[in-house]
Amino acid sequence: MSFLPSVVQAESRGDFKIQLTFNDGLTSTVDFSDWLGGALFAPLEDPIYFRRFFIEGGTVVWPNGLDVAPETLYERAKANEAA
């Protein structure tokens, strides 16, 4: 069985960035601005709404039900650490 990442903590770092901590202890700040744009992510372009995220089901979720797969967040977090 392979590792399934899960977000266990998330804190806003401003400018559409969230510091994420995963269930294996990896902590990294992920910039979500790359995902903004288009109809689906349009509500998140409002910085006040963007900061209304919460953790549910092991990932970051917004009140409209939008989320990003924890595996995708983990890959981005790992890439940040390697850079």
N, C-alpha and C. Protein backbone atom coordinates (compact mmCIF):
# COMPACT_ATOMS: atom_id res chain seq x y z
N MET A 1 0.85 -1.19 0.00
CA MET A 1 0.00 0.00 0.00
C MET A 1 0.89 1.24 0.00
N SER A 2 0.61 2.19 -0.88
CA SER A 2 1.42 3.40 -0.97
C SER A 2 0.90 4.46 0.00
N PHE A 3 1.74 5.44 0.24
CA PHE A 3 1.41 6.54 1.16
C PHE A 3 0.29 7.41 0.58
N LEU A 4 -0.69 7.71 1.40
CA LEU A 4 -1.78 8.61 1.03
C LEU A 4 -1.64 9.89 1.85
N PRO A 5 -1.23 10.99 1.21
CA PRO A 5 -1.06 12.23 1.97
C PRO A 5 -2.39 12.79 2.44
N SER A 6 -2.31 13.45 3.58
CA SER A 6 -3.49 14.08 4.16
C SER A 6 -3.05 15.37 4.84
N VAL A 7 -3.76 16.45 4.59
CA VAL A 7 -3.47 17.73 5.23
C VAL A 7 -3.99 17.66 6.67
N VAL A 8 -3.11 17.95 7.63
CA VAL A 8 -3.51 17.93 9.03
C VAL A 8 -3.55 19.33 9.65
N GLN A 9 -2.90 20.30 8.97
CA GLN A 9 -2.93 21.68 9.44
C GLN A 9 -2.76 22.60 8.24
N ALA A 10 -3.46 23.74 8.28
CA ALA A 10 -3.37 24.72 7.20
C ALA A 10 -3.51 26.11 7.78
N GLU A 11 -2.57 27.00 7.40
CA GLU A 11 -2.58 28.37 7.89
C GLU A 11 -2.34 29.33 6.73
N SER A 12 -3.13 30.39 6.66
CA SER A 12 -2.98 31.39 5.62
C SER A 12 -1.63 32.09 5.77
N ARG A 13 -0.99 32.31 4.63
CA ARG A 13 0.28 33.05 4.59
C ARG A 13 0.17 34.25 3.66
N GLY A 14 -1.06 34.69 3.37
CA GLY A 14 -1.29 35.86 2.54
C GLY A 14 -1.04 35.59 1.06
N ASP A 15 -1.52 36.51 0.22
CA ASP A 15 -1.30 36.43 -1.23
C ASP A 15 -1.62 35.06 -1.81
N PHE A 16 -2.73 34.46 -1.42
CA PHE A 16 -3.19 33.18 -1.95
C PHE A 16 -2.22 32.04 -1.63
N LYS A 17 -1.52 32.16 -0.51
CA LYS A 17 -0.60 31.12 -0.06
C LYS A 17 -1.11 30.50 1.23
N ILE A 18 -0.94 29.19 1.34
CA ILE A 18 -1.34 28.47 2.54
C ILE A 18 -0.18 27.57 2.96
N GLN A 19 0.19 27.68 4.23
CA GLN A 19 1.19 26.75 4.77
C GLN A 19 0.47 25.47 5.15
N LEU A 20 0.90 24.38 4.56
CA LEU A 20 0.26 23.09 4.78
C LEU A 20 1.19 22.15 5.54
N THR A 21 0.62 21.41 6.48
CA THR A 21 1.34 20.34 7.16
C THR A 21 0.60 19.05 6.85
N PHE A 22 1.37 18.05 6.44
CA PHE A 22 0.80 16.76 6.05
C PHE A 22 1.03 15.72 7.13
N ASN A 23 0.35 14.60 6.98
CA ASN A 23 0.39 13.53 7.97
C ASN A 23 1.74 12.85 8.11
N ASP A 24 2.69 13.15 7.24
CA ASP A 24 4.04 12.61 7.41
C ASP A 24 5.00 13.66 7.98
N GLY A 25 4.47 14.83 8.35
CA GLY A 25 5.27 15.88 8.94
C GLY A 25 5.78 16.92 7.96
N LEU A 26 5.65 16.70 6.67
CA LEU A 26 6.07 17.69 5.68
C LEU A 26 5.27 18.98 5.88
N THR A 27 5.98 20.10 5.97
CA THR A 27 5.35 21.41 6.06
C THR A 27 5.93 22.28 4.97
N SER A 28 5.05 22.91 4.20
CA SER A 28 5.49 23.76 3.09
C SER A 28 4.39 24.76 2.77
N THR A 29 4.78 25.92 2.29
CA THR A 29 3.82 26.94 1.87
C THR A 29 3.54 26.76 0.39
N VAL A 30 2.28 26.57 0.06
CA VAL A 30 1.85 26.35 -1.33
C VAL A 30 1.14 27.60 -1.83
N ASP A 31 1.56 28.05 -3.00
CA ASP A 31 0.95 29.21 -3.66
C ASP A 31 -0.17 28.72 -4.56
N PHE A 32 -1.39 29.11 -4.25
CA PHE A 32 -2.57 28.66 -5.00
C PHE A 32 -2.88 29.56 -6.19
N SER A 33 -2.14 30.65 -6.37
CA SER A 33 -2.47 31.61 -7.43
C SER A 33 -2.41 30.98 -8.82
N ASP A 34 -1.60 29.95 -9.01
CA ASP A 34 -1.54 29.27 -10.31
C ASP A 34 -2.88 28.63 -10.69
N TRP A 35 -3.66 28.27 -9.68
CA TRP A 35 -4.93 27.59 -9.94
C TRP A 35 -6.10 28.56 -10.12
N LEU A 36 -5.88 29.83 -9.80
CA LEU A 36 -6.97 30.80 -9.91
C LEU A 36 -7.25 31.12 -11.37
N GLY A 37 -8.45 31.56 -11.63
CA GLY A 37 -8.87 31.85 -13.00
C GLY A 37 -9.87 30.81 -13.45
N GLY A 38 -10.69 31.17 -14.37
CA GLY A 38 -11.74 30.26 -14.83
C GLY A 38 -12.92 30.28 -13.88
N ALA A 39 -14.03 29.78 -14.34
CA ALA A 39 -15.28 29.85 -13.59
C ALA A 39 -15.23 29.07 -12.27
N LEU A 40 -14.60 27.92 -12.28
CA LEU A 40 -14.59 27.07 -11.08
C LEU A 40 -13.86 27.74 -9.91
N PHE A 41 -12.72 28.33 -10.18
CA PHE A 41 -11.92 28.93 -9.12
C PHE A 41 -12.18 30.42 -8.92
N ALA A 42 -13.08 31.01 -9.69
CA ALA A 42 -13.34 32.45 -9.63
C ALA A 42 -13.64 32.96 -8.22
N PRO A 43 -14.44 32.27 -7.39
CA PRO A 43 -14.71 32.80 -6.05
C PRO A 43 -13.45 32.96 -5.21
N LEU A 44 -12.43 32.15 -5.47
CA LEU A 44 -11.20 32.20 -4.67
C LEU A 44 -10.34 33.41 -5.00
N GLU A 45 -10.65 34.10 -6.08
CA GLU A 45 -9.89 35.29 -6.44
C GLU A 45 -10.12 36.44 -5.47
N ASP A 46 -11.18 36.36 -4.69
CA ASP A 46 -11.43 37.34 -3.62
C ASP A 46 -10.59 36.91 -2.42
N PRO A 47 -9.61 37.72 -2.01
CA PRO A 47 -8.73 37.31 -0.91
C PRO A 47 -9.46 37.00 0.39
N ILE A 48 -10.54 37.69 0.65
CA ILE A 48 -11.32 37.43 1.87
C ILE A 48 -11.96 36.04 1.79
N TYR A 49 -12.54 35.73 0.65
CA TYR A 49 -13.14 34.41 0.48
C TYR A 49 -12.06 33.32 0.49
N PHE A 50 -10.94 33.58 -0.15
CA PHE A 50 -9.86 32.59 -0.19
C PHE A 50 -9.46 32.17 1.22
N ARG A 51 -9.41 33.11 2.14
CA ARG A 51 -8.98 32.81 3.52
C ARG A 51 -10.04 32.06 4.33
N ARG A 52 -11.18 31.78 3.74
CA ARG A 52 -12.24 31.05 4.45
C ARG A 52 -12.07 29.52 4.33
N PHE A 53 -10.93 29.07 3.88
CA PHE A 53 -10.70 27.63 3.72
C PHE A 53 -10.72 26.91 5.08
N PHE A 54 -10.90 25.62 5.02
CA PHE A 54 -10.86 24.76 6.21
C PHE A 54 -10.39 23.39 5.74
N ILE A 55 -10.08 22.53 6.70
CA ILE A 55 -9.65 21.18 6.37
C ILE A 55 -10.84 20.23 6.51
N GLU A 56 -11.04 19.44 5.49
CA GLU A 56 -12.09 18.40 5.51
C GLU A 56 -11.63 17.26 4.61
N GLY A 57 -11.76 16.06 5.08
CA GLY A 57 -11.39 14.92 4.27
C GLY A 57 -9.92 14.87 3.91
N GLY A 58 -9.09 15.49 4.74
CA GLY A 58 -7.65 15.45 4.51
C GLY A 58 -7.13 16.44 3.49
N THR A 59 -7.96 17.42 3.13
CA THR A 59 -7.50 18.43 2.18
C THR A 59 -8.08 19.79 2.54
N VAL A 60 -7.69 20.81 1.79
CA VAL A 60 -8.18 22.17 1.98
C VAL A 60 -9.46 22.32 1.16
N VAL A 61 -10.50 22.87 1.81
CA VAL A 61 -11.81 23.02 1.18
C VAL A 61 -12.32 24.43 1.45
N TRP A 62 -13.09 24.96 0.51
CA TRP A 62 -13.73 26.26 0.67
C TRP A 62 -15.23 26.07 0.84
N PRO A 63 -15.93 27.09 1.35
CA PRO A 63 -17.36 26.96 1.63
C PRO A 63 -18.21 26.53 0.42
N ASN A 64 -17.76 26.82 -0.80
CA ASN A 64 -18.53 26.41 -1.98
C ASN A 64 -18.27 24.96 -2.37
N GLY A 65 -17.48 24.24 -1.58
CA GLY A 65 -17.21 22.83 -1.85
C GLY A 65 -15.98 22.58 -2.70
N LEU A 66 -15.36 23.64 -3.19
CA LEU A 66 -14.16 23.50 -4.01
C LEU A 66 -13.01 22.99 -3.16
N ASP A 67 -12.25 22.05 -3.70
CA ASP A 67 -11.05 21.57 -3.02
C ASP A 67 -10.00 21.22 -4.06
N VAL A 68 -8.80 20.95 -3.56
CA VAL A 68 -7.71 20.48 -4.40
C VAL A 68 -7.29 19.15 -3.79
N ALA A 69 -7.12 18.13 -4.61
CA ALA A 69 -6.77 16.81 -4.11
C ALA A 69 -5.53 16.87 -3.23
N PRO A 70 -5.54 16.17 -2.10
CA PRO A 70 -4.38 16.20 -1.22
C PRO A 70 -3.11 15.70 -1.90
N GLU A 71 -3.24 14.77 -2.83
CA GLU A 71 -2.07 14.28 -3.56
C GLU A 71 -1.43 15.40 -4.38
N THR A 72 -2.28 16.23 -4.99
CA THR A 72 -1.80 17.36 -5.78
C THR A 72 -1.10 18.37 -4.89
N LEU A 73 -1.69 18.66 -3.74
CA LEU A 73 -1.07 19.59 -2.79
C LEU A 73 0.26 19.06 -2.29
N TYR A 74 0.30 17.76 -2.03
CA TYR A 74 1.53 17.14 -1.53
C TYR A 74 2.64 17.22 -2.58
N GLU A 75 2.31 16.94 -3.82
CA GLU A 75 3.30 17.04 -4.90
C GLU A 75 3.86 18.46 -4.99
N ARG A 76 2.98 19.44 -4.91
CA ARG A 76 3.42 20.84 -4.97
C ARG A 76 4.29 21.18 -3.76
N ALA A 77 3.89 20.71 -2.58
CA ALA A 77 4.66 20.97 -1.36
C ALA A 77 6.04 20.33 -1.46
N LYS A 78 6.12 19.11 -1.95
CA LYS A 78 7.41 18.42 -2.10
C LYS A 78 8.28 19.17 -3.11
N ALA A 79 7.71 19.64 -4.19
CA ALA A 79 8.47 20.38 -5.20
C ALA A 79 9.02 21.67 -4.60
N ASN A 80 8.25 22.32 -3.74
CA ASN A 80 8.72 23.55 -3.08
C ASN A 80 9.93 23.26 -2.20
N GLU A 81 9.91 22.14 -1.52
CA GLU A 81 11.00 21.78 -0.63
C GLU A 81 12.26 21.44 -1.41
N ALA A 82 12.10 20.89 -2.60
CA ALA A 82 13.24 20.51 -3.43
C ALA A 82 13.90 21.72 -4.09
N ALA A 83 13.12 22.78 -4.26
CA ALA A 83 13.64 23.98 -4.97
C ALA A 83 14.59 24.79 -4.12
